[in-house]
Amino acid sequence: MFLCKRQIDINARFGLPRIAFMSAVATIIMFLVSYEVMYFLSNTPLSDRHFLIFLLLVFMTYPLHKS
């Protein structure tokens, strides 16, 4: 359909530190917005009962993703 003859090298144009920074900022903003929306819509109280399981799953994401 649409064939681009020119490719844009984002890594060369912006650099890896800027791309990583913008990705982190976008992730944090999306988390905060979704957290506020879910907190507003939820009627159940928040707790940290399963936080250790959450941390374990977060740390296991990278090795599982790489395999």
PDB file of N, CA and C in Angstrom:
ATOM      1  N   MET A   1       0.831  -1.176   0.000  1.00  0.00           N
ATOM      2  CA  MET A   1       0.000   0.000   0.000  1.00  0.00           C
ATOM      3  C   MET A   1       0.884   1.250   0.000  1.00  0.00           C
ATOM      4  N   PHE A   2       1.424   1.612   1.151  1.00  0.00           N
ATOM      5  CA  PHE A   2       2.309   2.762   1.230  1.00  0.00           C
ATOM      6  C   PHE A   2       3.722   2.261   1.475  1.00  0.00           C
ATOM      7  N   LEU A   3       4.587   2.487   0.544  1.00  0.00           N
ATOM      8  CA  LEU A   3       5.974   2.062   0.696  1.00  0.00           C
ATOM      9  C   LEU A   3       6.834   3.291   0.953  1.00  0.00           C
ATOM     10  N   CYS A   4       7.478   3.288   2.096  1.00  0.00           N
ATOM     11  CA  CYS A   4       8.351   4.412   2.437  1.00  0.00           C
ATOM     12  C   CYS A   4       9.716   4.180   1.811  1.00  0.00           C
ATOM     13  N   LYS A   5      10.201   5.150   1.099  1.00  0.00           N
ATOM     14  CA  LYS A   5      11.521   5.038   0.503  1.00  0.00           C
ATOM     15  C   LYS A   5      12.592   5.546   1.451  1.00  0.00           C
ATOM     16  N   ARG A   6      12.187   6.282   2.441  1.00  0.00           N
ATOM     17  CA  ARG A   6      13.149   6.847   3.381  1.00  0.00           C
ATOM     18  C   ARG A   6      12.876   6.267   4.763  1.00  0.00           C
ATOM     19  N   GLN A   7      13.909   5.747   5.377  1.00  0.00           N
ATOM     20  CA  GLN A   7      13.782   5.210   6.722  1.00  0.00           C
ATOM     21  C   GLN A   7      14.371   6.207   7.703  1.00  0.00           C
ATOM     22  N   ILE A   8      13.731   6.326   8.849  1.00  0.00           N
ATOM     23  CA  ILE A   8      14.190   7.245   9.883  1.00  0.00           C
ATOM     24  C   ILE A   8      14.867   6.433  10.967  1.00  0.00           C
ATOM     25  N   ASP A   9      16.123   6.733  11.225  1.00  0.00           N
ATOM     26  CA  ASP A   9      16.861   6.061  12.291  1.00  0.00           C
ATOM     27  C   ASP A   9      16.674   6.871  13.570  1.00  0.00           C
ATOM     28  N   ILE A  10      15.714   6.439  14.378  1.00  0.00           N
ATOM     29  CA  ILE A  10      15.374   7.175  15.601  1.00  0.00           C
ATOM     30  C   ILE A  10      16.524   7.143  16.586  1.00  0.00           C
ATOM     31  N   ASN A  11      17.242   6.020  16.641  1.00  0.00           N
ATOM     32  CA  ASN A  11      18.355   5.907  17.575  1.00  0.00           C
ATOM     33  C   ASN A  11      19.456   6.914  17.240  1.00  0.00           C
ATOM     34  N   ALA A  12      19.761   7.095  15.968  1.00  0.00           N
ATOM     35  CA  ALA A  12      20.789   8.061  15.582  1.00  0.00           C
ATOM     36  C   ALA A  12      20.285   9.497  15.726  1.00  0.00           C
ATOM     37  N   ARG A  13      19.001   9.685  15.530  1.00  0.00           N
ATOM     38  CA  ARG A  13      18.451  11.042  15.576  1.00  0.00           C
ATOM     39  C   ARG A  13      18.315  11.573  17.002  1.00  0.00           C
ATOM     40  N   PHE A  14      17.827  10.733  17.917  1.00  0.00           N
ATOM     41  CA  PHE A  14      17.574  11.191  19.280  1.00  0.00           C
ATOM     42  C   PHE A  14      18.578  10.661  20.290  1.00  0.00           C
ATOM     43  N   GLY A  15      19.141   9.503  20.060  1.00  0.00           N
ATOM     44  CA  GLY A  15      20.083   8.912  20.999  1.00  0.00           C
ATOM     45  C   GLY A  15      19.386   8.019  22.008  1.00  0.00           C
ATOM     46  N   LEU A  16      20.108   7.015  22.461  1.00  0.00           N
ATOM     47  CA  LEU A  16      19.536   6.037  23.378  1.00  0.00           C
ATOM     48  C   LEU A  16      19.128   6.633  24.722  1.00  0.00           C
ATOM     49  N   PRO A  17      19.918   7.539  25.336  1.00  0.00           N
ATOM     50  CA  PRO A  17      19.480   8.094  26.627  1.00  0.00           C
ATOM     51  C   PRO A  17      18.157   8.853  26.542  1.00  0.00           C
ATOM     52  N   ARG A  18      17.966   9.606  25.490  1.00  0.00           N
ATOM     53  CA  ARG A  18      16.717  10.364  25.351  1.00  0.00           C
ATOM     54  C   ARG A  18      15.534   9.436  25.093  1.00  0.00           C
ATOM     55  N   ILE A  19      15.735   8.404  24.295  1.00  0.00           N
ATOM     56  CA  ILE A  19      14.668   7.437  24.042  1.00  0.00           C
ATOM     57  C   ILE A  19      14.293   6.719  25.329  1.00  0.00           C
ATOM     58  N   ALA A  20      15.296   6.305  26.117  1.00  0.00           N
ATOM     59  CA  ALA A  20      15.028   5.618  27.382  1.00  0.00           C
ATOM     60  C   ALA A  20      14.323   6.548  28.363  1.00  0.00           C
ATOM     61  N   PHE A  21      14.734   7.806  28.413  1.00  0.00           N
ATOM     62  CA  PHE A  21      14.105   8.771  29.315  1.00  0.00           C
ATOM     63  C   PHE A  21      12.647   9.005  28.936  1.00  0.00           C
ATOM     64  N   MET A  22      12.380   9.210  27.664  1.00  0.00           N
ATOM     65  CA  MET A  22      11.006   9.448  27.222  1.00  0.00           C
ATOM     66  C   MET A  22      10.134   8.206  27.443  1.00  0.00           C
ATOM     67  N   SER A  23      10.708   7.036  27.269  1.00  0.00           N
ATOM     68  CA  SER A  23       9.968   5.802  27.528  1.00  0.00           C
ATOM     69  C   SER A  23       9.623   5.681  29.007  1.00  0.00           C
ATOM     70  N   ALA A  24      10.573   5.994  29.881  1.00  0.00           N
ATOM     71  CA  ALA A  24      10.319   5.924  31.323  1.00  0.00           C
ATOM     72  C   ALA A  24       9.269   6.946  31.742  1.00  0.00           C
ATOM     73  N   VAL A  25       9.350   8.150  31.213  1.00  0.00           N
ATOM     74  CA  VAL A  25       8.373   9.192  31.549  1.00  0.00           C
ATOM     75  C   VAL A  25       6.978   8.792  31.072  1.00  0.00           C
ATOM     76  N   ALA A  26       6.884   8.267  29.860  1.00  0.00           N
ATOM     77  CA  ALA A  26       5.581   7.834  29.344  1.00  0.00           C
ATOM     78  C   ALA A  26       5.006   6.693  30.180  1.00  0.00           C
ATOM     79  N   THR A  27       5.862   5.776  30.615  1.00  0.00           N
ATOM     80  CA  THR A  27       5.407   4.664  31.450  1.00  0.00           C
ATOM     81  C   THR A  27       4.886   5.158  32.787  1.00  0.00           C
ATOM     82  N   ILE A  28       5.608   6.070  33.415  1.00  0.00           N
ATOM     83  CA  ILE A  28       5.189   6.603  34.715  1.00  0.00           C
ATOM     84  C   ILE A  28       3.881   7.375  34.588  1.00  0.00           C
ATOM     85  N   ILE A  29       3.755   8.188  33.553  1.00  0.00           N
ATOM     86  CA  ILE A  29       2.526   8.959  33.361  1.00  0.00           C
ATOM     87  C   ILE A  29       1.339   8.029  33.122  1.00  0.00           C
ATOM     88  N   MET A  30       1.523   6.994  32.286  1.00  0.00           N
ATOM     89  CA  MET A  30       0.428   6.049  32.038  1.00  0.00           C
ATOM     90  C   MET A  30       0.046   5.303  33.308  1.00  0.00           C
ATOM     91  N   PHE A  31       1.038   4.931  34.123  1.00  0.00           N
ATOM     92  CA  PHE A  31       0.735   4.243  35.375  1.00  0.00           C
ATOM     93  C   PHE A  31      -0.062   5.152  36.301  1.00  0.00           C
ATOM     94  N   LEU A  32       0.366   6.398  36.449  1.00  0.00           N
ATOM     95  CA  LEU A  32      -0.327   7.311  37.353  1.00  0.00           C
ATOM     96  C   LEU A  32      -1.756   7.586  36.895  1.00  0.00           C
ATOM     97  N   VAL A  33      -1.941   7.797  35.615  1.00  0.00           N
ATOM     98  CA  VAL A  33      -3.287   8.061  35.098  1.00  0.00           C
ATOM     99  C   VAL A  33      -4.179   6.837  35.280  1.00  0.00           C
ATOM    100  N   SER A  34      -3.677   5.666  34.917  1.00  0.00           N
ATOM    101  CA  SER A  34      -4.504   4.462  35.063  1.00  0.00           C
ATOM    102  C   SER A  34      -4.758   4.140  36.528  1.00  0.00           C
ATOM    103  N   TYR A  35      -3.785   4.403  37.397  1.00  0.00           N
ATOM    104  CA  TYR A  35      -3.979   4.166  38.828  1.00  0.00           C
ATOM    105  C   TYR A  35      -5.084   5.066  39.379  1.00  0.00           C
ATOM    106  N   GLU A  36      -5.054   6.327  39.016  1.00  0.00           N
ATOM    107  CA  GLU A  36      -6.075   7.257  39.497  1.00  0.00           C
ATOM    108  C   GLU A  36      -7.463   6.880  38.985  1.00  0.00           C
ATOM    109  N   VAL A  37      -7.563   6.473  37.739  1.00  0.00           N
ATOM    110  CA  VAL A  37      -8.858   6.074  37.185  1.00  0.00           C
ATOM    111  C   VAL A  37      -9.372   4.827  37.890  1.00  0.00           C
ATOM    112  N   MET A  38      -8.507   3.832  38.068  1.00  0.00           N
ATOM    113  CA  MET A  38      -8.932   2.594  38.730  1.00  0.00           C
ATOM    114  C   MET A  38      -9.256   2.840  40.200  1.00  0.00           C
ATOM    115  N   TYR A  39      -8.514   3.721  40.858  1.00  0.00           N
ATOM    116  CA  TYR A  39      -8.789   4.041  42.257  1.00  0.00           C
ATOM    117  C   TYR A  39     -10.142   4.746  42.384  1.00  0.00           C
ATOM    118  N   PHE A  40     -10.439   5.614  41.437  1.00  0.00           N
ATOM    119  CA  PHE A  40     -11.706   6.343  41.452  1.00  0.00           C
ATOM    120  C   PHE A  40     -12.889   5.406  41.211  1.00  0.00           C
ATOM    121  N   LEU A  41     -12.719   4.426  40.323  1.00  0.00           N
ATOM    122  CA  LEU A  41     -13.813   3.527  39.963  1.00  0.00           C
ATOM    123  C   LEU A  41     -13.957   2.334  40.906  1.00  0.00           C
ATOM    124  N   SER A  42     -12.943   2.060  41.705  1.00  0.00           N
ATOM    125  CA  SER A  42     -12.970   0.877  42.565  1.00  0.00           C
ATOM    126  C   SER A  42     -13.572   1.206  43.922  1.00  0.00           C
ATOM    127  N   ASN A  43     -14.367   0.274  44.443  1.00  0.00           N
ATOM    128  CA  ASN A  43     -14.968   0.456  45.761  1.00  0.00           C
ATOM    129  C   ASN A  43     -14.267  -0.355  46.840  1.00  0.00           C
ATOM    130  N   THR A  44     -13.310  -1.191  46.457  1.00  0.00           N
ATOM    131  CA  THR A  44     -12.616  -2.025  47.440  1.00  0.00           C
ATOM    132  C   THR A  44     -11.407  -1.283  47.992  1.00  0.00           C
ATOM    133  N   PRO A  45     -11.090  -1.478  49.267  1.00  0.00           N
ATOM    134  CA  PRO A  45      -9.913  -0.820  49.838  1.00  0.00           C
ATOM    135  C   PRO A  45      -8.626  -1.428  49.280  1.00  0.00           C
ATOM    136  N   LEU A  46      -7.605  -0.607  49.155  1.00  0.00           N
ATOM    137  CA  LEU A  46      -6.325  -1.073  48.637  1.00  0.00           C
ATOM    138  C   LEU A  46      -5.502  -1.695  49.756  1.00  0.00           C
ATOM    139  N   SER A  47      -4.741  -2.724  49.427  1.00  0.00           N
ATOM    140  CA  SER A  47      -3.853  -3.347  50.409  1.00  0.00           C
ATOM    141  C   SER A  47      -2.580  -3.816  49.706  1.00  0.00           C
ATOM    142  N   ASP A  48      -1.555  -4.084  50.490  1.00  0.00           N
ATOM    143  CA  ASP A  48      -0.295  -4.586  49.944  1.00  0.00           C
ATOM    144  C   ASP A  48      -0.050  -6.031  50.380  1.00  0.00           C
ATOM    145  N   ARG A  49      -1.106  -6.792  50.446  1.00  0.00           N
ATOM    146  CA  ARG A  49      -1.044  -8.163  50.940  1.00  0.00           C
ATOM    147  C   ARG A  49      -0.154  -9.052  50.074  1.00  0.00           C
ATOM    148  N   HIS A  50      -0.193  -8.906  48.781  1.00  0.00           N
ATOM    149  CA  HIS A  50       0.556  -9.772  47.870  1.00  0.00           C
ATOM    150  C   HIS A  50       1.701  -9.024  47.185  1.00  0.00           C
ATOM    151  N   PHE A  51       2.292  -8.065  47.875  1.00  0.00           N
ATOM    152  CA  PHE A  51       3.343  -7.245  47.267  1.00  0.00           C
ATOM    153  C   PHE A  51       4.600  -8.055  46.974  1.00  0.00           C
ATOM    154  N   LEU A  52       4.958  -8.991  47.835  1.00  0.00           N
ATOM    155  CA  LEU A  52       6.158  -9.801  47.605  1.00  0.00           C
ATOM    156  C   LEU A  52       6.004 -10.689  46.368  1.00  0.00           C
ATOM    157  N   ILE A  53       4.820 -11.202  46.142  1.00  0.00           N
ATOM    158  CA  ILE A  53       4.568 -11.979  44.924  1.00  0.00           C
ATOM    159  C   ILE A  53       4.682 -11.077  43.700  1.00  0.00           C
ATOM    160  N   PHE A  54       4.166  -9.871  43.818  1.00  0.00           N
ATOM    161  CA  PHE A  54       4.275  -8.907  42.722  1.00  0.00           C
ATOM    162  C   PHE A  54       5.736  -8.604  42.408  1.00  0.00           C
ATOM    163  N   LEU A  55       6.558  -8.364  43.447  1.00  0.00           N
ATOM    164  CA  LEU A  55       7.979  -8.092  43.224  1.00  0.00           C
ATOM    165  C   LEU A  55       8.678  -9.277  42.569  1.00  0.00           C
ATOM    166  N   LEU A  56       8.357 -10.475  43.019  1.00  0.00           N
ATOM    167  CA  LEU A  56       8.948 -11.665  42.423  1.00  0.00           C
ATOM    168  C   LEU A  56       8.596 -11.760  40.940  1.00  0.00           C
ATOM    169  N   LEU A  57       7.351 -11.513  40.602  1.00  0.00           N
ATOM    170  CA  LEU A  57       6.932 -11.565  39.200  1.00  0.00           C
ATOM    171  C   LEU A  57       7.583 -10.469  38.365  1.00  0.00           C
ATOM    172  N   VAL A  58       7.757  -9.298  38.944  1.00  0.00           N
ATOM    173  CA  VAL A  58       8.417  -8.209  38.217  1.00  0.00           C
ATOM    174  C   VAL A  58       9.866  -8.577  37.925  1.00  0.00           C
ATOM    175  N   PHE A  59      10.570  -9.125  38.924  1.00  0.00           N
ATOM    176  CA  PHE A  59      11.969  -9.495  38.720  1.00  0.00           C
ATOM    177  C   PHE A  59      12.121 -10.718  37.815  1.00  0.00           C
ATOM    178  N   MET A  60      11.113 -11.548  37.726  1.00  0.00           N
ATOM    179  CA  MET A  60      11.173 -12.722  36.855  1.00  0.00           C
ATOM    180  C   MET A  60      10.757 -12.402  35.419  1.00  0.00           C
ATOM    181  N   THR A  61      10.230 -11.226  35.183  1.00  0.00           N
ATOM    182  CA  THR A  61       9.784 -10.860  33.841  1.00  0.00           C
ATOM    183  C   THR A  61      10.945 -10.864  32.852  1.00  0.00           C
ATOM    184  N   TYR A  62      12.068 -10.282  33.230  1.00  0.00           N
ATOM    185  CA  TYR A  62      13.205 -10.195  32.306  1.00  0.00           C
ATOM    186  C   TYR A  62      13.769 -11.568  31.948  1.00  0.00           C
ATOM    187  N   PRO A  63      14.090 -12.422  32.927  1.00  0.00           N
ATOM    188  CA  PRO A  63      14.610 -13.747  32.533  1.00  0.00           C
ATOM    189  C   PRO A  63      13.605 -14.572  31.725  1.00  0.00           C
ATOM    190  N   LEU A  64      12.334 -14.488  32.070  1.00  0.00           N
ATOM    191  CA  LEU A  64      11.339 -15.242  31.307  1.00  0.00           C
ATOM    192  C   LEU A  64      11.166 -14.681  29.904  1.00  0.00           C
ATOM    193  N   HIS A  65      11.307 -13.382  29.774  1.00  0.00           N
ATOM    194  CA  HIS A  65      11.160 -12.747  28.466  1.00  0.00           C
ATOM    195  C   HIS A  65      12.338 -13.098  27.559  1.00  0.00           C
ATOM    196  N   LYS A  66      13.530 -13.194  28.136  1.00  0.00           N
ATOM    197  CA  LYS A  66      14.719 -13.480  27.345  1.00  0.00           C
ATOM    198  C   LYS A  66      14.791 -14.939  26.906  1.00  0.00           C
ATOM    199  N   SER A  67      14.142 -15.841  27.632  1.00  0.00           N
ATOM    200  CA  SER A  67      14.243 -17.266  27.267  1.00  0.00           C
ATOM    201  C   SER A  67      13.310 -17.647  26.141  1.00  0.00           C
TER     202      SER A  67
END
